Amino acid sequence: MRNRPLLYYKTKEDIEAYRKKPVKLRLQWLQAQMEFFYKAMPKKAKRIRERLERGEI
């Protein structure tokens, strides 16, 4: 088992290559990431998120 946190690094070149991609492609990628995170999110977190969206909390 890992005792170290998982770290994620991007080089300046990686960031620049991403910035050169069309905005539509970047937004599609972001949408896919958000859908994945929502599906992986625990039910309790989903309920809290939905309450926040409705302005209940």
Protein backbone atom coordinates (compact mmCIF):
# COMPACT_ATOMS: atom_id res chain seq x y z
CA MET A 1 0.00 0.00 0.00
CA ARG A 2 1.18 3.51 -0.81
CA ASN A 3 1.98 5.80 2.07
CA ARG A 4 2.72 8.76 -0.16
CA PRO A 5 0.00 10.93 -1.71
CA LEU A 6 -0.59 10.64 -5.44
CA LEU A 7 0.88 13.76 -7.03
CA TYR A 8 0.06 15.04 -10.50
CA TYR A 9 2.51 17.27 -12.33
CA LYS A 10 2.40 18.98 -15.71
CA THR A 11 5.33 20.59 -17.44
CA LYS A 12 5.15 24.05 -18.95
CA GLU A 13 5.17 22.37 -22.36
CA ASP A 14 2.19 20.20 -21.40
CA ILE A 15 0.27 23.25 -20.24
CA GLU A 16 1.09 25.18 -23.39
CA ALA A 17 0.01 22.26 -25.59
CA TYR A 18 -3.30 22.13 -23.69
CA ARG A 19 -3.82 25.87 -24.13
CA LYS A 20 -3.42 25.48 -27.91
CA LYS A 21 -6.30 22.99 -28.11
CA PRO A 22 -9.63 24.38 -29.31
CA VAL A 23 -11.91 25.66 -26.54
CA LYS A 24 -14.67 23.27 -27.63
CA LEU A 25 -12.35 20.28 -27.11
CA ARG A 26 -11.25 21.57 -23.69
CA LEU A 27 -14.89 22.04 -22.63
CA GLN A 28 -15.79 18.53 -23.82
CA TRP A 29 -12.91 17.15 -21.75
CA LEU A 30 -14.08 19.14 -18.72
CA GLN A 31 -17.65 17.86 -19.14
CA ALA A 32 -16.41 14.26 -19.30
CA GLN A 33 -14.38 14.78 -16.13
CA MET A 34 -17.36 16.27 -14.28
CA GLU A 35 -19.59 13.36 -15.32
CA PHE A 36 -16.98 10.87 -14.14
CA PHE A 37 -16.56 12.59 -10.77
CA TYR A 38 -20.32 12.75 -10.28
CA LYS A 39 -20.68 9.02 -10.99
CA ALA A 40 -17.82 8.22 -8.61
CA MET A 41 -19.11 10.56 -5.88
CA PRO A 42 -20.61 8.98 -2.74
CA LYS A 43 -24.40 9.30 -2.37
CA LYS A 44 -24.07 11.58 0.66
CA ALA A 45 -21.85 13.99 -1.29
CA LYS A 46 -24.35 13.97 -4.19
CA ARG A 47 -27.19 14.90 -1.81
CA ILE A 48 -25.15 17.78 -0.39
CA ARG A 49 -24.20 18.97 -3.87
CA GLU A 50 -27.81 18.87 -5.02
CA ARG A 51 -28.93 20.84 -1.96
CA LEU A 52 -26.25 23.45 -2.68
CA GLU A 53 -27.44 23.73 -6.30
CA ARG A 54 -31.02 24.29 -5.12
CA GLY A 55 -29.84 26.96 -2.66
CA GLU A 56 -31.05 25.01 0.37
CA ILE A 57 -27.73 25.28 2.16
